[in-house]
Amino acid sequence: MDFFISNAYAQAAGGSGGSLLGFLPLVLMLVVFYFLMIRPQQKRMKEHTAMVAALKKGDEVVTNGGLGGTITKVGDAYMMMRVADNVEVSVQKAAVAALLPSGTLKDI
């Protein structure tokens, strides 16, 4: 009956080259993760910060909640935005999602 059971032999001890080769996939995954996720996110954050810093009166913007309007007053952290005739709302500057081309919101 011994012919059904194969013998199990221990592997030879690995040297230092084997342990360095074990870290190579981890290092490669970290490099790919950096270039595919972290770096593009930092670029988007930098562009958004520059756009928010450049907001001025008369710009047409859309907020993260989808509210569109024209800026009437800009403060340090907040701005006033006209969304309809005689309707102004106070919005955080960081909540601005996009700067629209002028003339986009003609109904306001």
N, C-alpha and C. Protein backbone atom coordinates (compact mmCIF):
# COMPACT_ATOMS: atom_id res chain seq x y z
N MET A 1 0.81 -1.20 0.00
CA MET A 1 0.00 0.00 0.00
C MET A 1 0.85 1.26 0.00
N ASP A 2 2.13 1.13 0.11
CA ASP A 2 2.98 2.31 0.15
C ASP A 2 3.06 3.00 -1.21
N PHE A 3 2.67 2.34 -2.24
CA PHE A 3 2.80 2.96 -3.56
C PHE A 3 1.73 4.04 -3.80
N PHE A 4 0.65 4.15 -2.96
CA PHE A 4 -0.36 5.20 -3.08
C PHE A 4 0.06 6.50 -2.40
N ILE A 5 0.96 6.42 -1.47
CA ILE A 5 1.37 7.59 -0.69
C ILE A 5 2.76 8.00 -1.15
N SER A 6 2.87 9.26 -1.61
CA SER A 6 4.19 9.72 -2.06
C SER A 6 4.96 10.28 -0.88
N ASN A 7 6.25 10.21 -0.98
CA ASN A 7 7.11 10.72 0.08
C ASN A 7 7.19 12.23 0.02
N ALA A 8 7.21 12.87 1.18
CA ALA A 8 7.35 14.33 1.27
C ALA A 8 8.75 14.64 1.74
N TYR A 9 9.46 15.44 0.98
CA TYR A 9 10.82 15.81 1.32
C TYR A 9 10.88 17.29 1.65
N ALA A 10 11.69 17.68 2.61
CA ALA A 10 11.85 19.08 3.00
C ALA A 10 12.67 19.80 1.94
N GLN A 11 12.34 21.10 1.74
CA GLN A 11 13.09 21.89 0.78
C GLN A 11 14.39 22.36 1.40
N ALA A 12 15.33 22.68 0.56
CA ALA A 12 16.61 23.21 1.03
C ALA A 12 16.38 24.61 1.57
N ALA A 13 17.16 25.01 2.55
CA ALA A 13 17.04 26.33 3.15
C ALA A 13 17.40 27.39 2.12
N GLY A 14 16.56 28.45 2.05
CA GLY A 14 16.81 29.53 1.09
C GLY A 14 17.86 30.49 1.61
N GLY A 15 18.60 31.09 0.69
CA GLY A 15 19.63 32.05 1.08
C GLY A 15 19.04 33.46 1.13
N SER A 16 19.91 34.44 1.18
CA SER A 16 19.47 35.84 1.27
C SER A 16 18.81 36.29 -0.03
N GLY A 17 19.17 35.70 -1.16
CA GLY A 17 18.57 36.04 -2.44
C GLY A 17 17.09 35.70 -2.47
N GLY A 18 16.70 34.64 -1.80
CA GLY A 18 15.30 34.25 -1.77
C GLY A 18 14.44 35.22 -0.98
N SER A 19 14.96 35.77 0.10
CA SER A 19 14.17 36.70 0.91
C SER A 19 14.02 38.05 0.20
N LEU A 20 15.04 38.48 -0.52
CA LEU A 20 14.92 39.73 -1.28
C LEU A 20 13.94 39.58 -2.43
N LEU A 21 13.93 38.43 -3.04
CA LEU A 21 13.00 38.16 -4.12
C LEU A 21 11.56 38.13 -3.61
N GLY A 22 11.38 37.78 -2.35
CA GLY A 22 10.05 37.75 -1.75
C GLY A 22 9.48 39.16 -1.57
N PHE A 23 10.33 40.16 -1.37
CA PHE A 23 9.86 41.54 -1.19
C PHE A 23 9.62 42.26 -2.51
N LEU A 24 10.15 41.74 -3.60
CA LEU A 24 10.04 42.40 -4.89
C LEU A 24 8.58 42.61 -5.34
N PRO A 25 7.69 41.63 -5.24
CA PRO A 25 6.28 41.89 -5.62
C PRO A 25 5.63 42.97 -4.75
N LEU A 26 5.95 43.01 -3.47
CA LEU A 26 5.39 44.03 -2.59
C LEU A 26 5.86 45.42 -3.00
N VAL A 27 7.14 45.54 -3.30
CA VAL A 27 7.68 46.83 -3.72
C VAL A 27 7.08 47.26 -5.05
N LEU A 28 6.93 46.34 -5.98
CA LEU A 28 6.32 46.66 -7.27
C LEU A 28 4.86 47.08 -7.11
N MET A 29 4.12 46.44 -6.21
CA MET A 29 2.73 46.83 -5.97
C MET A 29 2.65 48.23 -5.38
N LEU A 30 3.56 48.58 -4.50
CA LEU A 30 3.56 49.92 -3.92
C LEU A 30 3.87 50.98 -4.98
N VAL A 31 4.80 50.69 -5.88
CA VAL A 31 5.14 51.63 -6.94
C VAL A 31 3.94 51.83 -7.88
N VAL A 32 3.29 50.74 -8.26
CA VAL A 32 2.12 50.84 -9.13
C VAL A 32 1.00 51.59 -8.42
N PHE A 33 0.78 51.30 -7.15
CA PHE A 33 -0.23 51.99 -6.36
C PHE A 33 0.03 53.50 -6.32
N TYR A 34 1.28 53.88 -6.15
CA TYR A 34 1.63 55.30 -6.11
C TYR A 34 1.30 55.98 -7.44
N PHE A 35 1.72 55.39 -8.55
CA PHE A 35 1.53 56.03 -9.85
C PHE A 35 0.08 55.99 -10.34
N LEU A 36 -0.69 55.00 -9.94
CA LEU A 36 -2.06 54.90 -10.41
C LEU A 36 -3.09 55.57 -9.51
N MET A 37 -2.78 55.74 -8.21
CA MET A 37 -3.78 56.30 -7.31
C MET A 37 -3.33 57.56 -6.57
N ILE A 38 -2.20 57.52 -5.93
CA ILE A 38 -1.79 58.63 -5.07
C ILE A 38 -1.40 59.86 -5.88
N ARG A 39 -0.56 59.69 -6.89
CA ARG A 39 -0.09 60.83 -7.67
C ARG A 39 -1.21 61.56 -8.41
N PRO A 40 -2.14 60.86 -9.11
CA PRO A 40 -3.24 61.59 -9.76
C PRO A 40 -4.16 62.31 -8.77
N GLN A 41 -4.37 61.72 -7.60
CA GLN A 41 -5.21 62.37 -6.60
C GLN A 41 -4.55 63.65 -6.10
N GLN A 42 -3.25 63.63 -5.88
CA GLN A 42 -2.54 64.84 -5.45
C GLN A 42 -2.61 65.92 -6.52
N LYS A 43 -2.53 65.53 -7.78
CA LYS A 43 -2.63 66.50 -8.88
C LYS A 43 -4.01 67.14 -8.91
N ARG A 44 -5.08 66.32 -8.75
CA ARG A 44 -6.43 66.88 -8.73
C ARG A 44 -6.63 67.83 -7.56
N MET A 45 -6.09 67.46 -6.39
CA MET A 45 -6.22 68.33 -5.22
C MET A 45 -5.52 69.67 -5.46
N LYS A 46 -4.36 69.64 -6.07
CA LYS A 46 -3.60 70.85 -6.34
C LYS A 46 -4.36 71.75 -7.32
N GLU A 47 -4.95 71.15 -8.37
CA GLU A 47 -5.73 71.92 -9.34
C GLU A 47 -6.98 72.53 -8.70
N HIS A 48 -7.66 71.77 -7.83
CA HIS A 48 -8.86 72.28 -7.16
C HIS A 48 -8.50 73.43 -6.22
N THR A 49 -7.40 73.30 -5.49
CA THR A 49 -6.98 74.37 -4.58
C THR A 49 -6.66 75.64 -5.36
N ALA A 50 -6.01 75.52 -6.51
CA ALA A 50 -5.69 76.69 -7.34
C ALA A 50 -6.97 77.32 -7.89
N MET A 51 -7.95 76.49 -8.29
CA MET A 51 -9.20 77.02 -8.81
C MET A 51 -9.97 77.77 -7.72
N VAL A 52 -10.02 77.21 -6.52
CA VAL A 52 -10.74 77.86 -5.42
C VAL A 52 -10.06 79.17 -5.04
N ALA A 53 -8.75 79.21 -5.07
CA ALA A 53 -8.03 80.44 -4.72
C ALA A 53 -8.26 81.53 -5.76
N ALA A 54 -8.56 81.16 -7.00
CA ALA A 54 -8.73 82.14 -8.07
C ALA A 54 -10.18 82.58 -8.26
N LEU A 55 -11.11 82.13 -7.42
CA LEU A 55 -12.51 82.54 -7.57
C LEU A 55 -12.65 84.03 -7.33
N LYS A 56 -13.50 84.67 -8.14
CA LYS A 56 -13.73 86.11 -7.99
C LYS A 56 -15.19 86.42 -8.29
N LYS A 57 -15.58 87.63 -7.96
CA LYS A 57 -16.96 88.07 -8.17
C LYS A 57 -17.29 88.02 -9.67
N GLY A 58 -18.47 87.46 -9.97
CA GLY A 58 -18.92 87.36 -11.35
C GLY A 58 -18.68 86.00 -11.99
N ASP A 59 -17.87 85.16 -11.35
CA ASP A 59 -17.64 83.81 -11.88
C ASP A 59 -18.89 82.96 -11.72
N GLU A 60 -19.12 82.10 -12.68
CA GLU A 60 -20.24 81.16 -12.60
C GLU A 60 -19.69 79.80 -12.18
N VAL A 61 -20.28 79.23 -11.13
CA VAL A 61 -19.76 78.00 -10.55
C VAL A 61 -20.88 77.00 -10.30
N VAL A 62 -20.47 75.74 -10.11
CA VAL A 62 -21.37 74.67 -9.69
C VAL A 62 -20.77 74.06 -8.43
N THR A 63 -21.60 73.85 -7.40
CA THR A 63 -21.12 73.26 -6.16
C THR A 63 -21.16 71.74 -6.23
N ASN A 64 -20.61 71.10 -5.21
CA ASN A 64 -20.63 69.63 -5.15
C ASN A 64 -22.05 69.10 -5.07
N GLY A 65 -22.97 69.87 -4.55
CA GLY A 65 -24.36 69.46 -4.45
C GLY A 65 -25.16 69.70 -5.72
N GLY A 66 -24.55 70.31 -6.73
CA GLY A 66 -25.21 70.54 -8.00
C GLY A 66 -25.87 71.90 -8.11
N LEU A 67 -25.68 72.76 -7.13
CA LEU A 67 -26.26 74.10 -7.14
C LEU A 67 -25.39 75.02 -7.99
N GLY A 68 -25.98 75.63 -8.99
CA GLY A 68 -25.24 76.52 -9.88
C GLY A 68 -25.64 77.96 -9.65
N GLY A 69 -24.68 78.86 -9.78
CA GLY A 69 -24.98 80.28 -9.59
C GLY A 69 -23.79 81.15 -9.91
N THR A 70 -24.00 82.45 -9.71
CA THR A 70 -22.97 83.45 -9.97
C THR A 70 -22.47 84.00 -8.65
N ILE A 71 -21.16 84.12 -8.49
CA ILE A 71 -20.57 84.61 -7.25
C ILE A 71 -20.81 86.12 -7.15
N THR A 72 -21.32 86.54 -5.99
CA THR A 72 -21.55 87.97 -5.76
C THR A 72 -20.58 88.55 -4.73
N LYS A 73 -20.05 87.71 -3.85
CA LYS A 73 -19.12 88.19 -2.83
C LYS A 73 -18.21 87.03 -2.43
N VAL A 74 -16.91 87.31 -2.29
CA VAL A 74 -15.95 86.26 -1.94
C VAL A 74 -15.26 86.65 -0.65
N GLY A 75 -15.28 85.73 0.32
CA GLY A 75 -14.57 85.91 1.58
C GLY A 75 -13.40 84.94 1.67
N ASP A 76 -12.89 84.77 2.89
CA ASP A 76 -11.76 83.86 3.07
C ASP A 76 -12.18 82.40 2.90
N ALA A 77 -13.23 81.98 3.60
CA ALA A 77 -13.65 80.58 3.54
C ALA A 77 -15.03 80.42 2.89
N TYR A 78 -15.81 81.49 2.87
CA TYR A 78 -17.17 81.43 2.33
C TYR A 78 -17.34 82.43 1.20
N MET A 79 -18.39 82.22 0.41
CA MET A 79 -18.73 83.16 -0.65
C MET A 79 -20.24 83.24 -0.75
N MET A 80 -20.73 84.33 -1.28
CA MET A 80 -22.16 84.48 -1.54
C MET A 80 -22.38 84.19 -3.01
N MET A 81 -23.44 83.41 -3.29
CA MET A 81 -23.70 83.00 -4.65
C MET A 81 -25.17 83.27 -4.97
N ARG A 82 -25.41 83.97 -6.09
CA ARG A 82 -26.79 84.24 -6.52
C ARG A 82 -27.26 83.05 -7.35
N VAL A 83 -28.34 82.41 -6.89
CA VAL A 83 -28.86 81.24 -7.59
C VAL A 83 -30.14 81.54 -8.35
N ALA A 84 -30.81 82.63 -8.02
CA ALA A 84 -32.02 83.08 -8.71
C ALA A 84 -32.20 84.56 -8.41
N ASP A 85 -33.19 85.19 -9.03
CA ASP A 85 -33.45 86.60 -8.75
C ASP A 85 -33.79 86.78 -7.27
N ASN A 86 -33.09 87.68 -6.61
CA ASN A 86 -33.27 88.00 -5.20
C ASN A 86 -33.05 86.80 -4.28
N VAL A 87 -32.29 85.82 -4.70
CA VAL A 87 -31.97 84.66 -3.86
C VAL A 87 -30.45 84.47 -3.86
N GLU A 88 -29.86 84.65 -2.67
CA GLU A 88 -28.42 84.44 -2.52
C GLU A 88 -28.19 83.43 -1.40
N VAL A 89 -27.22 82.59 -1.58
CA VAL A 89 -26.87 81.60 -0.57
C VAL A 89 -25.39 81.73 -0.23
N SER A 90 -25.08 81.38 1.01
CA SER A 90 -23.70 81.37 1.45
C SER A 90 -23.16 79.96 1.28
N VAL A 91 -22.01 79.83 0.62
CA VAL A 91 -21.44 78.53 0.28
C VAL A 91 -19.97 78.53 0.66
N GLN A 92 -19.49 77.39 1.17
CA GLN A 92 -18.06 77.27 1.41
C GLN A 92 -17.32 77.24 0.08
N LYS A 93 -16.19 77.90 0.04
CA LYS A 93 -15.42 77.94 -1.21
C LYS A 93 -14.93 76.55 -1.60
N ALA A 94 -14.64 75.72 -0.62
CA ALA A 94 -14.15 74.37 -0.92
C ALA A 94 -15.22 73.48 -1.54
N ALA A 95 -16.49 73.89 -1.44
CA ALA A 95 -17.59 73.09 -2.00
C ALA A 95 -17.79 73.33 -3.48
N VAL A 96 -17.02 74.22 -4.07
CA VAL A 96 -17.14 74.49 -5.51
C VAL A 96 -16.53 73.32 -6.28
N ALA A 97 -17.34 72.73 -7.15
CA ALA A 97 -16.87 71.57 -7.92
C ALA A 97 -16.28 71.99 -9.26
N ALA A 98 -16.88 73.01 -9.90
CA ALA A 98 -16.40 73.38 -11.23
C ALA A 98 -16.65 74.86 -11.48
N LEU A 99 -15.77 75.45 -12.24
CA LEU A 99 -15.90 76.82 -12.70
C LEU A 99 -16.44 76.75 -14.12
N LEU A 100 -17.59 77.37 -14.35
CA LEU A 100 -18.23 77.30 -15.66
C LEU A 100 -17.77 78.45 -16.55
N PRO A 101 -17.82 78.27 -17.86
CA PRO A 101 -17.53 79.39 -18.76
C PRO A 101 -18.58 80.48 -18.58
N SER A 102 -18.19 81.74 -18.69
CA SER A 102 -19.13 82.83 -18.47
C SER A 102 -20.23 82.77 -19.53
N GLY A 103 -21.46 83.04 -19.08
CA GLY A 103 -22.61 83.00 -19.97
C GLY A 103 -23.33 81.67 -19.97
N THR A 104 -22.85 80.71 -19.21
CA THR A 104 -23.48 79.40 -19.16
C THR A 104 -24.83 79.48 -18.47
N LEU A 105 -24.90 80.23 -17.38
CA LEU A 105 -26.14 80.36 -16.61
C LEU A 105 -26.84 81.66 -17.00
N LYS A 106 -27.55 81.66 -18.11
CA LYS A 106 -28.16 82.90 -18.62
C LYS A 106 -29.48 83.21 -17.93
N ASP A 107 -30.14 82.22 -17.32
CA ASP A 107 -31.43 82.45 -16.70
C ASP A 107 -31.33 83.22 -15.39
N ILE A 108 -30.14 83.28 -14.82
CA ILE A 108 -30.00 83.94 -13.50
C ILE A 108 -29.78 85.41 -13.68
